[in-house]
PDB file of N, CA and C in Angstrom:
ATOM      1  N   UNK A   1       2.441  -5.394 -13.110  1.00  0.00           N
ATOM      2  CA  UNK A   1       2.538  -4.994 -11.645  1.00  0.00           C
ATOM      3  C   UNK A   1       2.281  -6.038 -10.416  1.00  0.00           C
ATOM      4  N   UNK A   2       2.612  -6.289  -9.919  1.00  0.00           N
ATOM      5  CA  UNK A   2       2.600  -6.943  -8.956  1.00  0.00           C
ATOM      6  C   UNK A   2       3.023  -6.735  -7.231  1.00  0.00           C
ATOM      7  N   UNK A   3       2.639  -7.071  -6.658  1.00  0.00           N
ATOM      8  CA  UNK A   3       2.652  -6.503  -4.927  1.00  0.00           C
ATOM      9  C   UNK A   3       4.456  -6.766  -4.722  1.00  0.00           C
ATOM     10  N   UNK A   4       4.966  -7.992  -5.175  1.00  0.00           N
ATOM     11  CA  UNK A   4       6.194  -8.218  -5.098  1.00  0.00           C
ATOM     12  C   UNK A   4       7.356  -7.031  -5.646  1.00  0.00           C
ATOM     13  N   UNK A   5       6.676  -6.101  -6.289  1.00  0.00           N
ATOM     14  CA  UNK A   5       7.555  -5.080  -6.635  1.00  0.00           C
ATOM     15  C   UNK A   5       7.771  -4.134  -5.584  1.00  0.00           C
ATOM     16  N   UNK A   6       7.150  -4.107  -4.365  1.00  0.00           N
ATOM     17  CA  UNK A   6       7.055  -3.227  -3.160  1.00  0.00           C
ATOM     18  C   UNK A   6       7.927  -4.269  -2.259  1.00  0.00           C
ATOM     19  N   UNK A   7       9.747  -3.775  -1.822  1.00  0.00           N
ATOM     20  CA  UNK A   7       9.995  -4.179  -1.000  1.00  0.00           C
ATOM     21  C   UNK A   7       9.869  -3.434   0.254  1.00  0.00           C
ATOM     22  N   UNK A   8       9.266  -3.759   1.377  1.00  0.00           N
ATOM     23  CA  UNK A   8       9.142  -3.535   2.628  1.00  0.00           C
ATOM     24  C   UNK A   8      10.169  -3.816   3.980  1.00  0.00           C
ATOM     25  N   UNK A   9      10.946  -2.889   4.552  1.00  0.00           N
ATOM     26  CA  UNK A   9      11.333  -3.595   5.485  1.00  0.00           C
ATOM     27  C   UNK A   9      10.935  -3.565   6.854  1.00  0.00           C
ATOM     28  N   UNK A  10      11.513  -4.299   7.644  1.00  0.00           N
ATOM     29  CA  UNK A  10      10.764  -4.279   8.984  1.00  0.00           C
ATOM     30  C   UNK A  10      10.850  -2.992   9.824  1.00  0.00           C
ATOM     31  N   UNK A  11      10.087  -2.604  10.611  1.00  0.00           N
ATOM     32  CA  UNK A  11       9.925  -1.297  11.142  1.00  0.00           C
ATOM     33  C   UNK A  11      11.048  -0.960  12.311  1.00  0.00           C
ATOM     34  N   UNK A  12      11.405  -0.146  12.574  1.00  0.00           N
ATOM     35  CA  UNK A  12      12.361   0.037  13.623  1.00  0.00           C
ATOM     36  C   UNK A  12      11.404  -0.162  15.136  1.00  0.00           C
ATOM     37  N   UNK A  13      12.062  -0.815  16.322  1.00  0.00           N
ATOM     38  CA  UNK A  13      11.530  -1.192  17.197  1.00  0.00           C
ATOM     39  C   UNK A  13      10.850   0.144  17.895  1.00  0.00           C
ATOM     40  N   UNK A  14      11.382   1.451  17.819  1.00  0.00           N
ATOM     41  CA  UNK A  14      10.700   2.506  18.364  1.00  0.00           C
ATOM     42  C   UNK A  14       9.518   2.961  17.375  1.00  0.00           C
ATOM     43  N   UNK A  15       9.404   2.553  15.850  1.00  0.00           N
ATOM     44  CA  UNK A  15       8.352   3.048  15.204  1.00  0.00           C
ATOM     45  C   UNK A  15       7.004   2.357  15.114  1.00  0.00           C
ATOM     46  N   UNK A  16       5.824   2.770  14.846  1.00  0.00           N
ATOM     47  CA  UNK A  16       4.962   1.993  15.285  1.00  0.00           C
ATOM     48  C   UNK A  16       4.543   1.068  14.165  1.00  0.00           C
ATOM     49  N   UNK A  17       3.971  -0.099  14.326  1.00  0.00           N
ATOM     50  CA  UNK A  17       3.913  -1.080  13.302  1.00  0.00           C
ATOM     51  C   UNK A  17       2.708  -0.846  12.265  1.00  0.00           C
ATOM     52  N   UNK A  18       3.160  -0.955  10.772  1.00  0.00           N
ATOM     53  CA  UNK A  18       2.052  -0.728   9.826  1.00  0.00           C
ATOM     54  C   UNK A  18       1.547  -2.315   9.809  1.00  0.00           C
ATOM     55  N   UNK A  19       0.237  -2.416   9.390  1.00  0.00           N
ATOM     56  CA  UNK A  19      -0.696  -3.297   9.108  1.00  0.00           C
ATOM     57  C   UNK A  19      -1.443  -2.977   7.806  1.00  0.00           C
ATOM     58  N   UNK A  20      -1.172  -3.999   7.116  1.00  0.00           N
ATOM     59  CA  UNK A  20      -1.974  -3.681   5.201  1.00  0.00           C
ATOM     60  C   UNK A  20      -2.824  -5.081   4.842  1.00  0.00           C
ATOM     61  N   UNK A  21      -3.549  -4.758   4.115  1.00  0.00           N
ATOM     62  CA  UNK A  21      -4.162  -5.591   3.154  1.00  0.00           C
ATOM     63  C   UNK A  21      -4.292  -5.608   2.094  1.00  0.00           C
ATOM     64  N   UNK A  22      -4.447  -6.502   1.185  1.00  0.00           N
ATOM     65  CA  UNK A  22      -4.209  -6.263  -0.325  1.00  0.00           C
ATOM     66  C   UNK A  22      -5.513  -7.149  -0.667  1.00  0.00           C
ATOM     67  N   UNK A  23      -6.218  -6.714  -2.018  1.00  0.00           N
ATOM     68  CA  UNK A  23      -7.132  -7.637  -2.502  1.00  0.00           C
ATOM     69  C   UNK A  23      -6.624  -7.212  -3.855  1.00  0.00           C
ATOM     70  N   UNK A  24      -7.141  -8.040  -4.735  1.00  0.00           N
ATOM     71  CA  UNK A  24      -6.796  -8.207  -6.094  1.00  0.00           C
ATOM     72  C   UNK A  24      -8.458  -8.747  -7.009  1.00  0.00           C
ATOM     73  N   UNK A  25      -9.000  -7.531  -7.586  1.00  0.00           N
ATOM     74  CA  UNK A  25     -10.560  -7.866  -8.064  1.00  0.00           C
ATOM     75  C   UNK A  25     -10.253  -8.099  -9.568  1.00  0.00           C
ATOM     76  N   UNK A  26     -10.664  -9.378 -10.136  1.00  0.00           N
ATOM     77  CA  UNK A  26     -10.547  -9.397 -11.535  1.00  0.00           C
ATOM     78  C   UNK A  26     -11.804  -8.946 -12.480  1.00  0.00           C
ATOM     79  N   UNK A  27     -13.098  -8.657 -11.775  1.00  0.00           N
ATOM     80  CA  UNK A  27     -14.069  -7.792 -12.144  1.00  0.00           C
ATOM     81  C   UNK A  27     -13.570  -6.149 -12.962  1.00  0.00           C
ATOM     82  N   UNK A  28     -12.405  -5.833 -12.258  1.00  0.00           N
ATOM     83  CA  UNK A  28     -11.978  -4.517 -12.845  1.00  0.00           C
ATOM     84  C   UNK A  28     -10.385  -4.537 -12.956  1.00  0.00           C
ATOM     85  N   UNK A  29     -10.013  -5.527 -12.543  1.00  0.00           N
ATOM     86  CA  UNK A  29      -8.458  -5.973 -13.039  1.00  0.00           C
ATOM     87  C   UNK A  29      -7.505  -4.796 -12.094  1.00  0.00           C
ATOM     88  N   UNK A  30      -8.233  -4.794 -10.712  1.00  0.00           N
ATOM     89  CA  UNK A  30      -7.564  -3.690  -9.752  1.00  0.00           C
ATOM     90  C   UNK A  30      -6.792  -4.345  -8.672  1.00  0.00           C
ATOM     91  N   UNK A  31      -5.831  -4.027  -8.405  1.00  0.00           N
ATOM     92  CA  UNK A  31      -5.117  -4.143  -6.918  1.00  0.00           C
ATOM     93  C   UNK A  31      -5.360  -3.084  -6.104  1.00  0.00           C
ATOM     94  N   UNK A  32      -5.717  -3.555  -4.829  1.00  0.00           N
ATOM     95  CA  UNK A  32      -6.177  -2.437  -4.004  1.00  0.00           C
ATOM     96  C   UNK A  32      -5.423  -3.213  -2.650  1.00  0.00           C
ATOM     97  N   UNK A  33      -5.011  -1.817  -2.138  1.00  0.00           N
ATOM     98  CA  UNK A  33      -3.998  -1.574  -0.653  1.00  0.00           C
ATOM     99  C   UNK A  33      -4.931  -1.104   0.179  1.00  0.00           C
ATOM    100  N   UNK A  34      -5.201  -1.903   1.043  1.00  0.00           N
ATOM    101  CA  UNK A  34      -5.505  -1.306   2.544  1.00  0.00           C
ATOM    102  C   UNK A  34      -4.543  -1.050   3.501  1.00  0.00           C
ATOM    103  N   UNK A  35      -4.385   0.197   3.971  1.00  0.00           N
ATOM    104  CA  UNK A  35      -3.612   0.531   5.284  1.00  0.00           C
ATOM    105  C   UNK A  35      -4.605   1.029   6.291  1.00  0.00           C
ATOM    106  N   UNK A  36      -4.068   0.262   7.603  1.00  0.00           N
ATOM    107  CA  UNK A  36      -4.854   0.264   9.232  1.00  0.00           C
ATOM    108  C   UNK A  36      -4.389   1.967   9.484  1.00  0.00           C
ATOM    109  N   UNK A  37      -3.388   2.516   9.191  1.00  0.00           N
ATOM    110  CA  UNK A  37      -3.210   4.037   9.569  1.00  0.00           C
ATOM    111  C   UNK A  37      -2.254   4.566   8.180  1.00  0.00           C
ATOM    112  N   UNK A  38      -2.384   6.040   8.497  1.00  0.00           N
ATOM    113  CA  UNK A  38      -1.454   6.721   7.494  1.00  0.00           C
ATOM    114  C   UNK A  38       0.086   5.719   7.587  1.00  0.00           C
ATOM    115  N   UNK A  39       0.174   5.898   5.976  1.00  0.00           N
ATOM    116  CA  UNK A  39       1.628   5.405   5.663  1.00  0.00           C
ATOM    117  C   UNK A  39       2.711   6.278   5.976  1.00  0.00           C
ATOM    118  N   UNK A  40       3.762   5.751   6.317  1.00  0.00           N
ATOM    119  CA  UNK A  40       4.960   7.044   6.695  1.00  0.00           C
ATOM    120  C   UNK A  40       5.592   7.552   5.315  1.00  0.00           C
ATOM    121  N   UNK A  41       6.419   8.181   5.375  1.00  0.00           N
ATOM    122  CA  UNK A  41       6.777   8.828   3.937  1.00  0.00           C
ATOM    123  C   UNK A  41       7.613   7.972   3.121  1.00  0.00           C
ATOM    124  N   UNK A  42       8.403   7.133   3.514  1.00  0.00           N
ATOM    125  CA  UNK A  42       9.052   6.077   3.269  1.00  0.00           C
ATOM    126  C   UNK A  42       8.347   5.110   2.288  1.00  0.00           C
ATOM    127  N   UNK A  43       7.149   4.659   3.197  1.00  0.00           N
ATOM    128  CA  UNK A  43       6.389   3.999   2.374  1.00  0.00           C
ATOM    129  C   UNK A  43       5.612   4.463   1.059  1.00  0.00           C
ATOM    130  N   UNK A  44       5.190   5.464   1.911  1.00  0.00           N
ATOM    131  CA  UNK A  44       4.320   6.161   0.731  1.00  0.00           C
ATOM    132  C   UNK A  44       5.033   6.258  -0.648  1.00  0.00           C
ATOM    133  N   UNK A  45       6.289   6.635  -0.577  1.00  0.00           N
ATOM    134  CA  UNK A  45       7.155   6.629  -1.572  1.00  0.00           C
ATOM    135  C   UNK A  45       7.046   5.452  -2.743  1.00  0.00           C
ATOM    136  N   UNK A  46       7.202   4.137  -1.575  1.00  0.00           N
ATOM    137  CA  UNK A  46       7.609   2.768  -2.254  1.00  0.00           C
ATOM    138  C   UNK A  46       6.121   2.589  -2.953  1.00  0.00           C
ATOM    139  N   UNK A  47       5.177   2.686  -2.216  1.00  0.00           N
ATOM    140  CA  UNK A  47       4.039   2.325  -2.654  1.00  0.00           C
ATOM    141  C   UNK A  47       3.391   3.170  -4.220  1.00  0.00           C
ATOM    142  N   UNK A  48       3.750   4.227  -3.908  1.00  0.00           N
ATOM    143  CA  UNK A  48       3.291   5.294  -4.997  1.00  0.00           C
ATOM    144  C   UNK A  48       4.550   4.625  -6.316  1.00  0.00           C
ATOM    145  N   UNK A  49       5.645   4.513  -6.058  1.00  0.00           N
ATOM    146  CA  UNK A  49       6.814   4.357  -6.967  1.00  0.00           C
ATOM    147  C   UNK A  49       6.167   2.956  -7.750  1.00  0.00           C
ATOM    148  N   UNK A  50       5.340   1.817  -6.948  1.00  0.00           N
ATOM    149  CA  UNK A  50       5.080   0.951  -7.478  1.00  0.00           C
ATOM    150  C   UNK A  50       4.027   0.953  -8.599  1.00  0.00           C
ATOM    151  N   UNK A  51       3.314   2.566  -8.500  1.00  0.00           N
ATOM    152  CA  UNK A  51       2.290   2.342  -9.182  1.00  0.00           C
ATOM    153  C   UNK A  51       1.010   2.597  -8.726  1.00  0.00           C
ATOM    154  N   UNK A  52       0.775   2.777  -7.333  1.00  0.00           N
ATOM    155  CA  UNK A  52      -0.255   2.861  -6.524  1.00  0.00           C
ATOM    156  C   UNK A  52      -0.687   3.764  -6.495  1.00  0.00           C
ATOM    157  N   UNK A  53      -1.812   4.617  -6.317  1.00  0.00           N
ATOM    158  CA  UNK A  53      -2.238   5.675  -6.637  1.00  0.00           C
ATOM    159  C   UNK A  53      -3.784   5.916  -5.226  1.00  0.00           C
ATOM    160  N   UNK A  54      -3.939   7.151  -4.190  1.00  0.00           N
ATOM    161  CA  UNK A  54      -4.670   7.183  -3.472  1.00  0.00           C
ATOM    162  C   UNK A  54      -5.873   7.333  -4.053  1.00  0.00           C
ATOM    163  N   UNK A  55      -6.819   6.578  -3.305  1.00  0.00           N
ATOM    164  CA  UNK A  55      -8.084   6.886  -4.082  1.00  0.00           C
ATOM    165  C   UNK A  55      -9.379   7.453  -2.609  1.00  0.00           C
ATOM    166  N   UNK A  56      -9.313   8.483  -2.517  1.00  0.00           N
ATOM    167  CA  UNK A  56      -9.744   9.397  -1.169  1.00  0.00           C
ATOM    168  C   UNK A  56     -11.153   8.806  -0.977  1.00  0.00           C
ATOM    169  N   UNK A  57     -11.974   8.495  -1.929  1.00  0.00           N
ATOM    170  CA  UNK A  57     -13.400   8.095  -1.351  1.00  0.00           C
ATOM    171  C   UNK A  57     -13.557   6.733  -1.085  1.00  0.00           C
ATOM    172  N   UNK A  58     -12.479   6.277  -1.508  1.00  0.00           N
ATOM    173  CA  UNK A  58     -12.627   4.580  -1.113  1.00  0.00           C
ATOM    174  C   UNK A  58     -11.638   4.435   0.139  1.00  0.00           C
ATOM    175  N   UNK A  59     -10.688   5.469   0.445  1.00  0.00           N
ATOM    176  CA  UNK A  59      -9.565   5.443   1.462  1.00  0.00           C
ATOM    177  C   UNK A  59      -8.645   3.832   1.617  1.00  0.00           C
ATOM    178  N   UNK A  60      -8.291   4.028   0.312  1.00  0.00           N
ATOM    179  CA  UNK A  60      -7.168   2.966  -0.370  1.00  0.00           C
ATOM    180  C   UNK A  60      -6.431   3.547  -1.429  1.00  0.00           C
ATOM    181  N   UNK A  61      -5.042   2.761  -1.536  1.00  0.00           N
ATOM    182  CA  UNK A  61      -4.349   2.575  -2.500  1.00  0.00           C
ATOM    183  C   UNK A  61      -4.886   1.520  -3.876  1.00  0.00           C
ATOM    184  N   UNK A  62      -4.802   2.159  -5.096  1.00  0.00           N
ATOM    185  CA  UNK A  62      -5.301   1.171  -5.916  1.00  0.00           C
ATOM    186  C   UNK A  62      -4.301   1.425  -7.292  1.00  0.00           C
ATOM    187  N   UNK A  63      -4.017   0.032  -7.781  1.00  0.00           N
ATOM    188  CA  UNK A  63      -3.555   0.074  -9.225  1.00  0.00           C
ATOM    189  C   UNK A  63      -3.958  -1.119  -9.931  1.00  0.00           C
TER     190      UNK A  63
END
C-alpha cells in the first residue's frame, strides 16, 4: 500500500481547501493520514478504498 495509490484532484474553486499530512512509522509499519478538516465524501471514499481506516481515538486514518 502506498500513498501513490490515492489519486487526488484539485478542489473546485468554490470548495474549501483540504490539507493533509502523512507519516510512516517503521516501528509498527503503519501509514497515518492526518486531515485538517473532515474529508468530503469523494475523498473519504478514495482514502477508504485505498485501505485506510478511521482511528477515532487518534483522530486520523491508518493503513
